[in-house]
């Protein structure tokens, strides 16, 4: 069995290759999940933003044509959209997943460059913890710097 300090690339043992392939599959699966959530949150954020803009323009148009009842209804819809944007923070979540996608892509680059299994596993654990808690990035990147000795 491979030790935890065996390098990911360049080792001749079969178990290290199997471990590396399994870890690479986990990183790729994590990346796919982050990309899916990024697309979902971006889509809904854009939809709510466009709806708010279109309704605001419609309010102006209804005011110009002296349709006060329509203006009132459209104003209520704008208020509902603003409330939905605050209740469901799609924009900040999209930004969060965008950063996770970037960090995971960087991790894949590290894997291809020959980073040790233990380092890749530790970084993936940190990314998963941030993913689960939806913490903004930065807290675990400090711990990554400590591991590399570049505080």
N, C-alpha and C. Protein backbone atom coordinates (compact mmCIF):
# COMPACT_ATOMS: atom_id res chain seq x y z
N UNK A 1 0.84 -1.18 0.00
CA UNK A 1 0.00 0.00 0.00
C UNK A 1 0.88 1.24 0.00
N UNK A 2 0.43 2.25 -0.67
CA UNK A 2 1.20 3.48 -0.79
C UNK A 2 1.17 4.25 0.53
N UNK A 3 2.28 4.85 0.84
CA UNK A 3 2.30 5.69 2.03
C UNK A 3 1.71 7.05 1.69
N UNK A 4 1.37 7.79 2.71
CA UNK A 4 0.71 9.07 2.50
C UNK A 4 1.64 10.11 1.89
N UNK A 5 2.96 9.86 1.94
CA UNK A 5 3.90 10.84 1.41
C UNK A 5 4.40 10.48 0.01
N UNK A 6 3.91 9.38 -0.57
CA UNK A 6 4.32 9.04 -1.93
C UNK A 6 3.89 10.14 -2.89
N UNK A 7 4.73 10.47 -3.85
CA UNK A 7 4.33 11.49 -4.82
C UNK A 7 3.23 10.97 -5.72
N UNK A 8 2.39 11.89 -6.20
CA UNK A 8 1.27 11.53 -7.05
C UNK A 8 1.75 11.12 -8.43
N UNK A 9 2.73 11.81 -8.96
CA UNK A 9 3.23 11.52 -10.30
C UNK A 9 4.66 11.00 -10.15
N UNK A 10 5.02 10.02 -10.97
CA UNK A 10 6.39 9.55 -10.97
C UNK A 10 6.64 8.33 -10.13
N UNK A 11 5.64 7.82 -9.42
CA UNK A 11 5.83 6.62 -8.62
C UNK A 11 5.51 5.39 -9.46
N UNK A 12 6.16 4.31 -9.17
CA UNK A 12 5.98 3.10 -9.96
C UNK A 12 5.02 2.12 -9.33
N UNK A 13 4.56 2.33 -8.11
CA UNK A 13 3.70 1.36 -7.45
C UNK A 13 2.28 1.43 -8.00
N UNK A 14 1.67 0.27 -8.10
CA UNK A 14 0.31 0.17 -8.63
C UNK A 14 -0.69 0.79 -7.67
N UNK A 15 -0.50 0.60 -6.37
CA UNK A 15 -1.45 1.13 -5.40
C UNK A 15 -1.41 2.65 -5.38
N UNK A 16 -0.24 3.24 -5.57
CA UNK A 16 -0.14 4.70 -5.62
C UNK A 16 -0.89 5.22 -6.84
N UNK A 17 -0.75 4.54 -7.95
CA UNK A 17 -1.47 4.94 -9.16
C UNK A 17 -2.97 4.83 -8.95
N UNK A 18 -3.40 3.74 -8.32
CA UNK A 18 -4.82 3.57 -8.03
C UNK A 18 -5.31 4.65 -7.09
N UNK A 19 -4.53 4.95 -6.05
CA UNK A 19 -4.90 6.01 -5.11
C UNK A 19 -4.96 7.36 -5.83
N UNK A 20 -3.99 7.62 -6.68
CA UNK A 20 -3.94 8.88 -7.41
C UNK A 20 -5.12 9.00 -8.34
N UNK A 21 -5.46 7.91 -9.03
CA UNK A 21 -6.61 7.94 -9.94
C UNK A 21 -7.91 8.14 -9.17
N UNK A 22 -8.04 7.50 -8.01
CA UNK A 22 -9.24 7.68 -7.19
C UNK A 22 -9.35 9.11 -6.69
N UNK A 23 -8.22 9.68 -6.26
CA UNK A 23 -8.23 11.05 -5.79
C UNK A 23 -8.53 12.02 -6.93
N UNK A 24 -7.97 11.76 -8.09
CA UNK A 24 -8.24 12.60 -9.26
C UNK A 24 -9.73 12.53 -9.63
N UNK A 25 -10.33 11.35 -9.54
CA UNK A 25 -11.76 11.20 -9.81
C UNK A 25 -12.59 11.99 -8.80
N UNK A 26 -12.16 11.98 -7.53
CA UNK A 26 -12.87 12.75 -6.51
C UNK A 26 -12.79 14.25 -6.78
N UNK A 27 -11.61 14.72 -7.16
CA UNK A 27 -11.43 16.15 -7.47
C UNK A 27 -12.29 16.53 -8.67
N UNK A 28 -12.31 15.69 -9.69
CA UNK A 28 -13.14 15.97 -10.87
C UNK A 28 -14.63 15.97 -10.54
N UNK A 29 -15.07 15.05 -9.68
CA UNK A 29 -16.47 15.01 -9.26
C UNK A 29 -16.82 16.27 -8.46
N UNK A 30 -15.92 16.70 -7.60
CA UNK A 30 -16.14 17.92 -6.82
C UNK A 30 -16.24 19.13 -7.75
N UNK A 31 -15.36 19.18 -8.76
CA UNK A 31 -15.38 20.27 -9.73
C UNK A 31 -16.71 20.28 -10.48
N UNK A 32 -17.18 19.13 -10.90
CA UNK A 32 -18.46 19.05 -11.62
C UNK A 32 -19.61 19.54 -10.75
N UNK A 33 -19.60 19.17 -9.48
CA UNK A 33 -20.66 19.61 -8.57
C UNK A 33 -20.62 21.13 -8.38
N UNK A 34 -19.43 21.68 -8.22
CA UNK A 34 -19.29 23.13 -8.08
C UNK A 34 -19.75 23.85 -9.35
N UNK A 35 -19.41 23.32 -10.51
CA UNK A 35 -19.82 23.93 -11.77
C UNK A 35 -21.33 23.90 -11.92
N UNK A 36 -21.96 22.80 -11.52
CA UNK A 36 -23.41 22.69 -11.58
C UNK A 36 -24.08 23.74 -10.69
N UNK A 37 -23.59 23.86 -9.47
CA UNK A 37 -24.17 24.85 -8.54
C UNK A 37 -23.89 26.28 -8.99
N UNK A 38 -22.73 26.50 -9.60
CA UNK A 38 -22.42 27.82 -10.15
C UNK A 38 -23.42 28.17 -11.24
N UNK A 39 -23.68 27.26 -12.15
CA UNK A 39 -24.62 27.50 -13.24
C UNK A 39 -26.03 27.77 -12.70
N UNK A 40 -26.46 26.99 -11.73
CA UNK A 40 -27.79 27.18 -11.14
C UNK A 40 -27.93 28.56 -10.52
N UNK A 41 -26.97 28.93 -9.67
CA UNK A 41 -27.05 30.21 -8.97
C UNK A 41 -26.89 31.39 -9.93
N UNK A 42 -26.04 31.26 -10.93
CA UNK A 42 -25.87 32.33 -11.91
C UNK A 42 -27.15 32.53 -12.71
N UNK A 43 -27.76 31.43 -13.11
CA UNK A 43 -29.01 31.51 -13.89
C UNK A 43 -30.10 32.24 -13.11
N UNK A 44 -30.30 31.87 -11.86
CA UNK A 44 -31.35 32.50 -11.07
C UNK A 44 -31.01 33.95 -10.72
N UNK A 45 -29.76 34.24 -10.47
CA UNK A 45 -29.36 35.63 -10.20
C UNK A 45 -29.63 36.50 -11.42
N UNK A 46 -29.25 36.02 -12.58
CA UNK A 46 -29.50 36.77 -13.81
C UNK A 46 -30.99 36.94 -14.08
N UNK A 47 -31.76 35.89 -13.85
CA UNK A 47 -33.21 35.96 -14.07
C UNK A 47 -33.85 37.02 -13.18
N UNK A 48 -33.51 37.03 -11.91
CA UNK A 48 -34.09 38.01 -10.99
C UNK A 48 -33.64 39.42 -11.33
N UNK A 49 -32.39 39.59 -11.72
CA UNK A 49 -31.90 40.92 -12.10
C UNK A 49 -32.61 41.44 -13.35
N UNK A 50 -32.74 40.60 -14.37
CA UNK A 50 -33.40 41.02 -15.61
C UNK A 50 -34.87 41.31 -15.35
N UNK A 51 -35.53 40.47 -14.55
CA UNK A 51 -36.93 40.71 -14.22
C UNK A 51 -37.11 42.04 -13.50
N UNK A 52 -36.22 42.34 -12.56
CA UNK A 52 -36.29 43.61 -11.85
C UNK A 52 -36.12 44.80 -12.77
N UNK A 53 -35.19 44.71 -13.71
CA UNK A 53 -34.95 45.81 -14.66
C UNK A 53 -36.15 45.98 -15.58
N UNK A 54 -36.66 44.87 -16.12
CA UNK A 54 -37.80 44.97 -17.03
C UNK A 54 -39.04 45.52 -16.33
N UNK A 55 -39.28 45.08 -15.12
CA UNK A 55 -40.43 45.60 -14.37
C UNK A 55 -40.25 47.08 -14.05
N UNK A 56 -39.05 47.50 -13.76
CA UNK A 56 -38.80 48.92 -13.48
C UNK A 56 -39.08 49.77 -14.72
N UNK A 57 -38.65 49.29 -15.87
CA UNK A 57 -38.95 50.01 -17.12
C UNK A 57 -40.46 50.02 -17.38
N UNK A 58 -41.12 48.90 -17.10
CA UNK A 58 -42.57 48.83 -17.28
C UNK A 58 -43.29 49.79 -16.34
N UNK A 59 -42.78 50.00 -15.14
CA UNK A 59 -43.38 50.96 -14.20
C UNK A 59 -43.29 52.37 -14.79
N UNK A 60 -42.14 52.70 -15.35
CA UNK A 60 -41.97 54.03 -15.95
C UNK A 60 -42.94 54.21 -17.12
N UNK A 61 -43.03 53.17 -17.95
CA UNK A 61 -43.93 53.25 -19.11
C UNK A 61 -45.38 53.38 -18.67
N UNK A 62 -45.77 52.62 -17.65
CA UNK A 62 -47.17 52.71 -17.19
C UNK A 62 -47.44 54.06 -16.55
N UNK A 63 -46.44 54.66 -15.93
CA UNK A 63 -46.61 56.00 -15.38
C UNK A 63 -46.76 57.04 -16.47
N UNK A 64 -46.00 56.90 -17.55
CA UNK A 64 -46.09 57.83 -18.67
C UNK A 64 -47.48 57.78 -19.29
N UNK A 65 -48.05 56.58 -19.38
CA UNK A 65 -49.39 56.43 -19.97
C UNK A 65 -50.50 56.53 -18.93
N UNK A 66 -50.16 57.00 -17.76
CA UNK A 66 -51.11 57.27 -16.67
C UNK A 66 -51.96 56.05 -16.32
N UNK A 67 -51.29 54.94 -16.18
CA UNK A 67 -51.93 53.68 -15.77
C UNK A 67 -51.57 53.41 -14.31
N UNK A 68 -52.17 54.16 -13.41
CA UNK A 68 -51.78 54.07 -12.00
C UNK A 68 -52.02 52.69 -11.40
N UNK A 69 -53.10 52.03 -11.81
CA UNK A 69 -53.37 50.69 -11.26
C UNK A 69 -52.27 49.71 -11.69
N UNK A 70 -51.87 49.78 -12.97
CA UNK A 70 -50.81 48.91 -13.47
C UNK A 70 -49.48 49.25 -12.79
N UNK A 71 -49.23 50.53 -12.58
CA UNK A 71 -48.00 50.96 -11.91
C UNK A 71 -47.93 50.37 -10.51
N UNK A 72 -49.06 50.37 -9.82
CA UNK A 72 -49.12 49.82 -8.46
C UNK A 72 -48.81 48.32 -8.47
N UNK A 73 -49.41 47.60 -9.39
CA UNK A 73 -49.19 46.16 -9.49
C UNK A 73 -47.73 45.86 -9.83
N UNK A 74 -47.19 46.59 -10.80
CA UNK A 74 -45.80 46.38 -11.18
C UNK A 74 -44.84 46.73 -10.04
N UNK A 75 -45.17 47.76 -9.28
CA UNK A 75 -44.36 48.12 -8.11
C UNK A 75 -44.35 47.00 -7.08
N UNK A 76 -45.50 46.36 -6.90
CA UNK A 76 -45.57 45.21 -5.99
C UNK A 76 -44.72 44.05 -6.47
N UNK A 77 -44.71 43.83 -7.78
CA UNK A 77 -43.88 42.77 -8.34
C UNK A 77 -42.39 43.06 -8.15
N UNK A 78 -42.00 44.33 -8.32
CA UNK A 78 -40.61 44.70 -8.09
C UNK A 78 -40.23 44.45 -6.63
N UNK A 79 -41.13 44.81 -5.73
CA UNK A 79 -40.88 44.57 -4.31
C UNK A 79 -40.73 43.08 -4.03
N UNK A 80 -41.54 42.27 -4.69
CA UNK A 80 -41.44 40.81 -4.51
C UNK A 80 -40.10 40.29 -5.03
N UNK A 81 -39.64 40.83 -6.14
CA UNK A 81 -38.36 40.37 -6.70
C UNK A 81 -37.20 40.79 -5.80
N UNK A 82 -37.25 42.00 -5.28
CA UNK A 82 -36.20 42.45 -4.36
C UNK A 82 -36.18 41.58 -3.11
N UNK A 83 -37.36 41.25 -2.61
CA UNK A 83 -37.46 40.37 -1.44
C UNK A 83 -36.87 38.99 -1.75
N UNK A 84 -37.18 38.47 -2.94
CA UNK A 84 -36.63 37.16 -3.33
C UNK A 84 -35.11 37.21 -3.44
N UNK A 85 -34.57 38.33 -3.95
CA UNK A 85 -33.12 38.46 -4.05
C UNK A 85 -32.45 38.47 -2.69
N UNK A 86 -33.14 39.03 -1.71
CA UNK A 86 -32.56 39.04 -0.36
C UNK A 86 -32.75 37.71 0.34
N UNK A 87 -33.89 37.05 0.08
CA UNK A 87 -34.15 35.76 0.73
C UNK A 87 -33.29 34.65 0.15
N UNK A 88 -33.02 34.73 -1.14
CA UNK A 88 -32.23 33.71 -1.84
C UNK A 88 -31.02 34.40 -2.47
N UNK A 89 -29.91 34.45 -1.76
CA UNK A 89 -28.75 35.21 -2.25
C UNK A 89 -28.00 34.49 -3.38
N UNK A 90 -28.63 34.44 -4.55
CA UNK A 90 -28.03 33.73 -5.69
C UNK A 90 -26.73 34.38 -6.14
N UNK A 91 -26.66 35.70 -6.11
CA UNK A 91 -25.44 36.39 -6.55
C UNK A 91 -24.22 36.05 -5.71
N UNK A 92 -24.30 36.21 -4.38
CA UNK A 92 -23.15 35.84 -3.55
C UNK A 92 -22.81 34.35 -3.63
N UNK A 93 -23.82 33.51 -3.76
CA UNK A 93 -23.54 32.08 -3.89
C UNK A 93 -22.85 31.78 -5.22
N UNK A 94 -23.27 32.45 -6.27
CA UNK A 94 -22.61 32.25 -7.57
C UNK A 94 -21.14 32.66 -7.47
N UNK A 95 -20.88 33.76 -6.81
CA UNK A 95 -19.49 34.20 -6.63
C UNK A 95 -18.70 33.18 -5.81
N UNK A 96 -19.33 32.65 -4.77
CA UNK A 96 -18.70 31.64 -3.93
C UNK A 96 -18.32 30.41 -4.76
N UNK A 97 -19.25 29.91 -5.56
CA UNK A 97 -18.97 28.73 -6.37
C UNK A 97 -17.98 29.04 -7.49
N UNK A 98 -17.99 30.26 -8.00
CA UNK A 98 -17.01 30.65 -9.02
C UNK A 98 -15.59 30.55 -8.46
N UNK A 99 -15.43 30.99 -7.22
CA UNK A 99 -14.11 30.90 -6.57
C UNK A 99 -13.74 29.44 -6.33
N UNK A 100 -14.71 28.62 -5.88
CA UNK A 100 -14.43 27.21 -5.65
C UNK A 100 -14.04 26.50 -6.95
N UNK A 101 -14.70 26.85 -8.05
CA UNK A 101 -14.36 26.25 -9.34
C UNK A 101 -12.91 26.60 -9.70
N UNK A 102 -12.54 27.85 -9.50
CA UNK A 102 -11.17 28.27 -9.79
C UNK A 102 -10.15 27.56 -8.91
N UNK A 103 -10.46 27.45 -7.63
CA UNK A 103 -9.53 26.79 -6.71
C UNK A 103 -9.40 25.30 -7.04
N UNK A 104 -10.51 24.68 -7.43
CA UNK A 104 -10.47 23.26 -7.79
C UNK A 104 -9.70 23.06 -9.09
N UNK A 105 -9.85 23.98 -10.03
CA UNK A 105 -9.06 23.91 -11.27
C UNK A 105 -7.57 24.05 -10.94
N UNK A 106 -7.24 24.92 -10.00
CA UNK A 106 -5.84 25.05 -9.57
C UNK A 106 -5.35 23.76 -8.91
N UNK A 107 -6.22 23.11 -8.17
CA UNK A 107 -5.86 21.84 -7.53
C UNK A 107 -5.58 20.78 -8.60
N UNK A 108 -6.37 20.76 -9.65
CA UNK A 108 -6.12 19.82 -10.75
C UNK A 108 -4.78 20.10 -11.41
N UNK A 109 -4.43 21.37 -11.54
CA UNK A 109 -3.12 21.72 -12.08
C UNK A 109 -2.01 21.21 -11.17
N UNK A 110 -2.20 21.36 -9.85
CA UNK A 110 -1.22 20.84 -8.90
C UNK A 110 -1.09 19.32 -9.02
N UNK A 111 -2.22 18.64 -9.22
CA UNK A 111 -2.18 17.18 -9.37
C UNK A 111 -1.34 16.80 -10.58
N UNK A 112 -1.57 17.50 -11.68
CA UNK A 112 -0.82 17.19 -12.91
C UNK A 112 0.66 17.56 -12.78
N UNK A 113 0.96 18.48 -11.88
CA UNK A 113 2.35 18.90 -11.68
C UNK A 113 3.10 17.97 -10.73
N UNK A 114 2.38 17.03 -10.12
CA UNK A 114 3.05 16.05 -9.28
C UNK A 114 2.97 16.32 -7.80
N UNK A 115 2.01 17.07 -7.35
CA UNK A 115 1.85 17.32 -5.92
C UNK A 115 1.57 16.01 -5.18
N UNK A 116 2.06 15.91 -3.97
CA UNK A 116 1.90 14.69 -3.18
C UNK A 116 0.43 14.43 -2.87
N UNK A 117 0.09 13.14 -2.73
CA UNK A 117 -1.27 12.74 -2.42
C UNK A 117 -1.80 13.41 -1.16
N UNK A 118 -0.97 13.47 -0.14
CA UNK A 118 -1.42 14.03 1.14
C UNK A 118 -1.78 15.52 0.99
N UNK A 119 -1.01 16.24 0.21
CA UNK A 119 -1.28 17.67 0.01
C UNK A 119 -2.57 17.87 -0.78
N UNK A 120 -2.76 17.07 -1.81
CA UNK A 120 -3.98 17.15 -2.62
C UNK A 120 -5.19 16.80 -1.77
N UNK A 121 -5.08 15.73 -0.98
CA UNK A 121 -6.19 15.30 -0.13
C UNK A 121 -6.53 16.37 0.91
N UNK A 122 -5.53 16.99 1.50
CA UNK A 122 -5.76 18.04 2.50
C UNK A 122 -6.46 19.24 1.87
N UNK A 123 -6.02 19.63 0.69
CA UNK A 123 -6.63 20.77 0.01
C UNK A 123 -8.07 20.44 -0.38
N UNK A 124 -8.31 19.22 -0.87
CA UNK A 124 -9.67 18.82 -1.23
C UNK A 124 -10.57 18.80 0.00
N UNK A 125 -10.06 18.34 1.13
CA UNK A 125 -10.84 18.37 2.38
C UNK A 125 -11.23 19.79 2.74
N UNK A 126 -10.29 20.71 2.60
CA UNK A 126 -10.55 22.11 2.91
C UNK A 126 -11.62 22.69 1.97
N UNK A 127 -11.51 22.37 0.70
CA UNK A 127 -12.51 22.85 -0.27
C UNK A 127 -13.88 22.27 0.03
N UNK A 128 -13.92 20.99 0.38
CA UNK A 128 -15.20 20.37 0.72
C UNK A 128 -15.82 20.98 1.97
N UNK A 129 -14.99 21.30 2.94
CA UNK A 129 -15.51 21.93 4.16
C UNK A 129 -16.10 23.30 3.84
N UNK A 130 -15.39 24.07 3.03
CA UNK A 130 -15.92 25.37 2.61
C UNK A 130 -17.21 25.20 1.83
N UNK A 131 -17.26 24.19 0.97
CA UNK A 131 -18.44 23.89 0.17
C UNK A 131 -19.62 23.56 1.08
N UNK A 132 -19.39 22.72 2.08
CA UNK A 132 -20.46 22.30 2.99
C UNK A 132 -20.96 23.46 3.84
N UNK A 133 -20.05 24.30 4.29
CA UNK A 133 -20.42 25.41 5.17
C UNK A 133 -20.73 26.68 4.41
N UNK A 134 -20.43 26.69 3.12
CA UNK A 134 -20.56 27.85 2.26
C UNK A 134 -19.86 29.07 2.87
N UNK A 135 -18.61 28.82 3.28
CA UNK A 135 -17.78 29.89 3.81
C UNK A 135 -17.08 30.59 2.67
N UNK A 136 -16.90 31.89 2.76
CA UNK A 136 -16.11 32.54 1.72
C UNK A 136 -14.68 32.06 1.77
N UNK A 137 -14.06 31.98 0.60
CA UNK A 137 -12.68 31.50 0.53
C UNK A 137 -11.75 32.48 1.23
N UNK A 138 -10.67 31.95 1.72
CA UNK A 138 -9.69 32.78 2.40
C UNK A 138 -9.25 32.13 3.69
N UNK A 139 -10.18 31.52 4.39
CA UNK A 139 -9.82 30.89 5.65
C UNK A 139 -8.93 29.68 5.43
N UNK A 140 -9.26 28.86 4.43
CA UNK A 140 -8.45 27.66 4.22
C UNK A 140 -7.22 27.96 3.38
N UNK A 141 -7.22 29.04 2.61
CA UNK A 141 -6.02 29.35 1.83
C UNK A 141 -4.88 29.75 2.76
N UNK A 142 -5.20 30.28 3.94
CA UNK A 142 -4.16 30.57 4.93
C UNK A 142 -3.57 29.27 5.45
N UNK A 143 -4.43 28.25 5.65
CA UNK A 143 -3.90 26.98 6.12
C UNK A 143 -3.08 26.31 5.01
N UNK A 144 -3.43 26.54 3.74
CA UNK A 144 -2.65 26.00 2.63
C UNK A 144 -1.26 26.62 2.63
N UNK A 145 -1.18 27.92 2.92
CA UNK A 145 0.12 28.59 2.97
C UNK A 145 0.98 28.03 4.10
N UNK A 146 0.37 27.68 5.22
CA UNK A 146 1.12 27.12 6.33
C UNK A 146 1.69 25.76 5.95
N UNK A 147 0.90 24.97 5.21
CA UNK A 147 1.37 23.66 4.79
C UNK A 147 2.56 23.78 3.84
N UNK A 148 2.56 24.78 2.99
CA UNK A 148 3.63 24.97 2.03
C UNK A 148 4.82 25.69 2.66
N UNK A 149 4.64 26.22 3.87
CA UNK A 149 5.71 26.92 4.54
C UNK A 149 5.90 28.34 4.04
N UNK A 150 4.84 28.96 3.50
CA UNK A 150 4.95 30.32 2.96
C UNK A 150 3.97 31.26 3.65
N UNK A 151 4.05 31.32 4.95
CA UNK A 151 3.15 32.19 5.70
C UNK A 151 3.38 33.65 5.39
